[in-house]
N, C-alpha and C. Protein backbone atom coordinates (compact mmCIF):
# COMPACT_ATOMS: atom_id res chain seq x y z
N UNK A 1 104.50 70.24 100.20
CA UNK A 1 103.29 70.24 99.42
C UNK A 1 103.32 71.45 98.52
N UNK A 2 103.06 71.24 97.27
CA UNK A 2 103.10 72.30 96.28
C UNK A 2 101.83 73.13 96.32
N UNK A 3 101.96 74.41 96.09
CA UNK A 3 100.82 75.29 96.06
C UNK A 3 100.14 75.22 94.70
N UNK A 4 98.86 75.12 94.71
CA UNK A 4 98.11 75.07 93.45
C UNK A 4 98.12 76.41 92.77
N UNK A 5 98.36 76.43 91.46
CA UNK A 5 98.41 77.66 90.70
C UNK A 5 97.03 77.95 90.11
N UNK A 6 96.12 78.25 91.00
CA UNK A 6 94.75 78.56 90.58
C UNK A 6 94.62 80.06 90.36
N UNK A 7 94.17 80.45 89.20
CA UNK A 7 93.94 81.86 88.89
C UNK A 7 92.47 82.08 88.68
N UNK A 8 91.67 81.60 89.64
CA UNK A 8 90.20 81.72 89.51
C UNK A 8 89.76 83.17 89.64
N UNK A 9 90.43 83.99 90.43
CA UNK A 9 90.06 85.37 90.60
C UNK A 9 90.51 86.19 89.39
N UNK A 10 89.62 87.03 88.89
CA UNK A 10 90.01 87.90 87.77
C UNK A 10 91.00 88.97 88.23
N UNK A 11 91.77 89.45 87.28
CA UNK A 11 92.74 90.49 87.58
C UNK A 11 92.00 91.81 87.72
N UNK A 12 92.22 92.56 88.82
CA UNK A 12 91.53 93.82 88.99
C UNK A 12 91.89 94.82 87.87
N UNK A 13 91.07 95.84 87.70
CA UNK A 13 91.30 96.80 86.67
C UNK A 13 92.57 97.61 86.93
N UNK A 14 92.85 97.95 88.17
CA UNK A 14 94.07 98.68 88.55
C UNK A 14 94.78 97.98 89.68
N UNK A 15 95.47 96.89 89.39
CA UNK A 15 96.08 96.09 90.46
C UNK A 15 97.17 96.82 91.24
N UNK A 16 97.99 97.64 90.58
CA UNK A 16 99.08 98.33 91.25
C UNK A 16 98.52 99.37 92.22
N UNK A 17 97.55 100.15 91.77
CA UNK A 17 96.94 101.17 92.67
C UNK A 17 96.23 100.53 93.85
N UNK A 18 95.45 99.48 93.57
CA UNK A 18 94.73 98.81 94.64
C UNK A 18 95.69 98.24 95.67
N UNK A 19 96.77 97.66 95.24
CA UNK A 19 97.73 97.09 96.14
C UNK A 19 98.37 98.20 97.01
N UNK A 20 98.73 99.31 96.41
CA UNK A 20 99.34 100.41 97.16
C UNK A 20 98.36 100.95 98.23
N UNK A 21 97.11 101.11 97.84
CA UNK A 21 96.10 101.61 98.80
C UNK A 21 95.92 100.60 99.94
N UNK A 22 95.84 99.34 99.63
CA UNK A 22 95.66 98.31 100.66
C UNK A 22 96.84 98.33 101.64
N UNK A 23 98.07 98.34 101.11
CA UNK A 23 99.23 98.32 102.01
C UNK A 23 99.36 99.63 102.80
N UNK A 24 98.93 100.73 102.22
CA UNK A 24 98.91 101.99 102.95
C UNK A 24 97.96 101.91 104.15
N UNK A 25 96.78 101.33 103.92
CA UNK A 25 95.81 101.13 105.00
C UNK A 25 96.39 100.27 106.09
N UNK A 26 97.05 99.17 105.70
CA UNK A 26 97.65 98.32 106.70
C UNK A 26 98.79 99.02 107.44
N UNK A 27 99.62 99.75 106.70
CA UNK A 27 100.74 100.45 107.31
C UNK A 27 100.25 101.51 108.27
N UNK A 28 99.12 102.12 108.03
CA UNK A 28 98.57 103.12 108.90
C UNK A 28 98.15 102.51 110.25
N UNK A 29 97.81 101.26 110.23
CA UNK A 29 97.44 100.57 111.46
C UNK A 29 98.58 100.38 112.43
N UNK A 30 99.82 100.28 111.92
CA UNK A 30 100.98 100.02 112.77
C UNK A 30 101.18 101.14 113.79
N UNK A 31 101.28 102.41 113.39
CA UNK A 31 101.43 103.46 114.43
C UNK A 31 100.23 103.60 115.32
N UNK A 32 99.03 103.35 114.78
CA UNK A 32 97.83 103.46 115.60
C UNK A 32 97.86 102.44 116.74
N UNK A 33 98.18 101.23 116.39
CA UNK A 33 98.31 100.16 117.42
C UNK A 33 99.43 100.46 118.38
N UNK A 34 100.53 100.97 117.86
CA UNK A 34 101.66 101.30 118.74
C UNK A 34 101.28 102.38 119.77
N UNK A 35 100.59 103.41 119.33
CA UNK A 35 100.19 104.48 120.23
C UNK A 35 99.17 103.94 121.27
N UNK A 36 98.19 103.14 120.80
CA UNK A 36 97.20 102.59 121.70
C UNK A 36 97.76 101.64 122.74
N UNK A 37 98.85 100.98 122.42
CA UNK A 37 99.46 100.03 123.35
C UNK A 37 100.66 100.63 124.08
N UNK A 38 100.95 101.90 123.89
CA UNK A 38 102.04 102.54 124.62
C UNK A 38 103.40 102.36 124.00
N UNK A 39 103.48 102.01 122.75
CA UNK A 39 104.76 101.84 122.07
C UNK A 39 105.28 103.17 121.56
N UNK A 40 106.49 103.13 121.04
CA UNK A 40 107.12 104.32 120.55
C UNK A 40 106.60 104.69 119.16
N UNK A 41 106.19 105.96 119.00
CA UNK A 41 105.62 106.39 117.72
C UNK A 41 106.67 106.44 116.62
N UNK A 42 107.86 106.92 116.92
CA UNK A 42 108.89 107.02 115.85
C UNK A 42 109.27 105.65 115.36
N UNK A 43 109.46 104.72 116.26
CA UNK A 43 109.80 103.37 115.87
C UNK A 43 108.68 102.74 115.04
N UNK A 44 107.43 102.98 115.45
CA UNK A 44 106.28 102.44 114.73
C UNK A 44 106.19 103.06 113.33
N UNK A 45 106.48 104.34 113.21
CA UNK A 45 106.46 104.97 111.88
C UNK A 45 107.52 104.37 110.98
N UNK A 46 108.70 104.10 111.52
CA UNK A 46 109.76 103.49 110.72
C UNK A 46 109.32 102.07 110.27
N UNK A 47 108.74 101.32 111.15
CA UNK A 47 108.25 99.98 110.78
C UNK A 47 107.12 100.10 109.74
N UNK A 48 106.25 101.06 109.88
CA UNK A 48 105.17 101.25 108.95
C UNK A 48 105.69 101.59 107.53
N UNK A 49 106.67 102.47 107.48
CA UNK A 49 107.26 102.83 106.18
C UNK A 49 107.94 101.62 105.57
N UNK A 50 108.72 100.89 106.36
CA UNK A 50 109.42 99.71 105.88
C UNK A 50 108.41 98.66 105.40
N UNK A 51 107.36 98.44 106.17
CA UNK A 51 106.33 97.50 105.76
C UNK A 51 105.70 97.91 104.43
N UNK A 52 105.33 99.17 104.30
CA UNK A 52 104.68 99.65 103.09
C UNK A 52 105.60 99.44 101.87
N UNK A 53 106.85 99.84 101.98
CA UNK A 53 107.77 99.72 100.84
C UNK A 53 108.00 98.26 100.45
N UNK A 54 108.30 97.43 101.44
CA UNK A 54 108.61 96.01 101.14
C UNK A 54 107.37 95.29 100.63
N UNK A 55 106.25 95.45 101.29
CA UNK A 55 105.02 94.73 100.88
C UNK A 55 104.55 95.18 99.50
N UNK A 56 104.59 96.46 99.27
CA UNK A 56 104.16 96.99 97.97
C UNK A 56 105.09 96.55 96.86
N UNK A 57 106.38 96.62 97.10
CA UNK A 57 107.35 96.18 96.08
C UNK A 57 107.15 94.70 95.75
N UNK A 58 107.01 93.89 96.76
CA UNK A 58 106.81 92.46 96.52
C UNK A 58 105.52 92.21 95.75
N UNK A 59 104.46 92.87 96.17
CA UNK A 59 103.17 92.68 95.47
C UNK A 59 103.24 93.15 94.04
N UNK A 60 103.84 94.29 93.78
CA UNK A 60 103.96 94.80 92.42
C UNK A 60 104.78 93.82 91.56
N UNK A 61 105.83 93.27 92.15
CA UNK A 61 106.62 92.26 91.42
C UNK A 61 105.77 91.08 91.04
N UNK A 62 104.93 90.59 91.98
CA UNK A 62 104.07 89.46 91.72
C UNK A 62 102.99 89.79 90.66
N UNK A 63 102.44 91.02 90.74
CA UNK A 63 101.45 91.45 89.73
C UNK A 63 102.12 91.49 88.36
N UNK A 64 103.34 91.99 88.32
CA UNK A 64 104.04 92.05 87.03
C UNK A 64 104.22 90.64 86.44
N UNK A 65 104.59 89.68 87.29
CA UNK A 65 104.72 88.31 86.83
C UNK A 65 103.38 87.73 86.34
N UNK A 66 102.34 87.98 87.10
CA UNK A 66 101.03 87.43 86.76
C UNK A 66 100.52 88.06 85.49
N UNK A 67 100.68 89.38 85.30
CA UNK A 67 100.23 90.02 84.09
C UNK A 67 101.01 89.53 82.88
N UNK A 68 102.33 89.27 83.04
CA UNK A 68 103.14 88.74 81.95
C UNK A 68 102.69 87.33 81.59
N UNK A 69 102.38 86.50 82.62
CA UNK A 69 101.88 85.14 82.36
C UNK A 69 100.53 85.20 81.59
N UNK A 70 99.69 86.11 82.06
CA UNK A 70 98.36 86.23 81.42
C UNK A 70 98.51 86.69 79.97
N UNK A 71 99.38 87.65 79.72
CA UNK A 71 99.60 88.11 78.37
C UNK A 71 100.17 87.02 77.47
N UNK A 72 101.13 86.25 78.03
CA UNK A 72 101.70 85.15 77.26
C UNK A 72 100.65 84.07 76.96
N UNK A 73 99.77 83.81 77.93
CA UNK A 73 98.73 82.83 77.72
C UNK A 73 97.76 83.30 76.64
N UNK A 74 97.36 84.56 76.71
CA UNK A 74 96.42 85.09 75.75
C UNK A 74 97.04 85.17 74.36
N UNK A 75 98.25 85.65 74.25
CA UNK A 75 98.88 85.77 72.92
C UNK A 75 99.22 84.37 72.37
N UNK A 76 99.52 83.42 73.24
CA UNK A 76 99.81 82.06 72.78
C UNK A 76 98.58 81.35 72.29
N UNK A 77 97.46 81.60 72.95
CA UNK A 77 96.22 80.91 72.51
C UNK A 77 95.60 81.56 71.27
N UNK A 78 95.87 82.84 71.04
CA UNK A 78 95.26 83.50 69.86
C UNK A 78 96.02 83.15 68.60
N UNK A 79 97.24 82.67 68.69
CA UNK A 79 98.02 82.34 67.54
C UNK A 79 97.79 80.94 67.02
N UNK A 80 97.08 80.13 67.74
CA UNK A 80 96.83 78.75 67.34
C UNK A 80 95.68 78.68 66.34
N UNK A 81 95.78 77.74 65.44
CA UNK A 81 94.67 77.53 64.51
C UNK A 81 93.69 76.57 65.11
N UNK A 82 92.44 76.78 64.85
CA UNK A 82 91.36 75.90 65.39
C UNK A 82 90.89 74.99 64.30
N UNK A 83 90.80 73.74 64.60
CA UNK A 83 90.31 72.73 63.63
C UNK A 83 89.17 71.97 64.21
């Protein structure tokens, strides 16, 4: 089943910064949960750093694609003549 390409949500003012802050908050939870459950702190920190880097990189790549699509759509529609 194909995923619908709905862009109903507006693009945030600072998508890259917001994404980094969100993933940092999630990455911070990994060592906290590890300590609370008796896991190894060093291993949890390594997983948290890996999660932050991979998730942020992927999200930034997707934002870059979406912003390029949006710019192409806007520049393509502005060049058309209206009759």
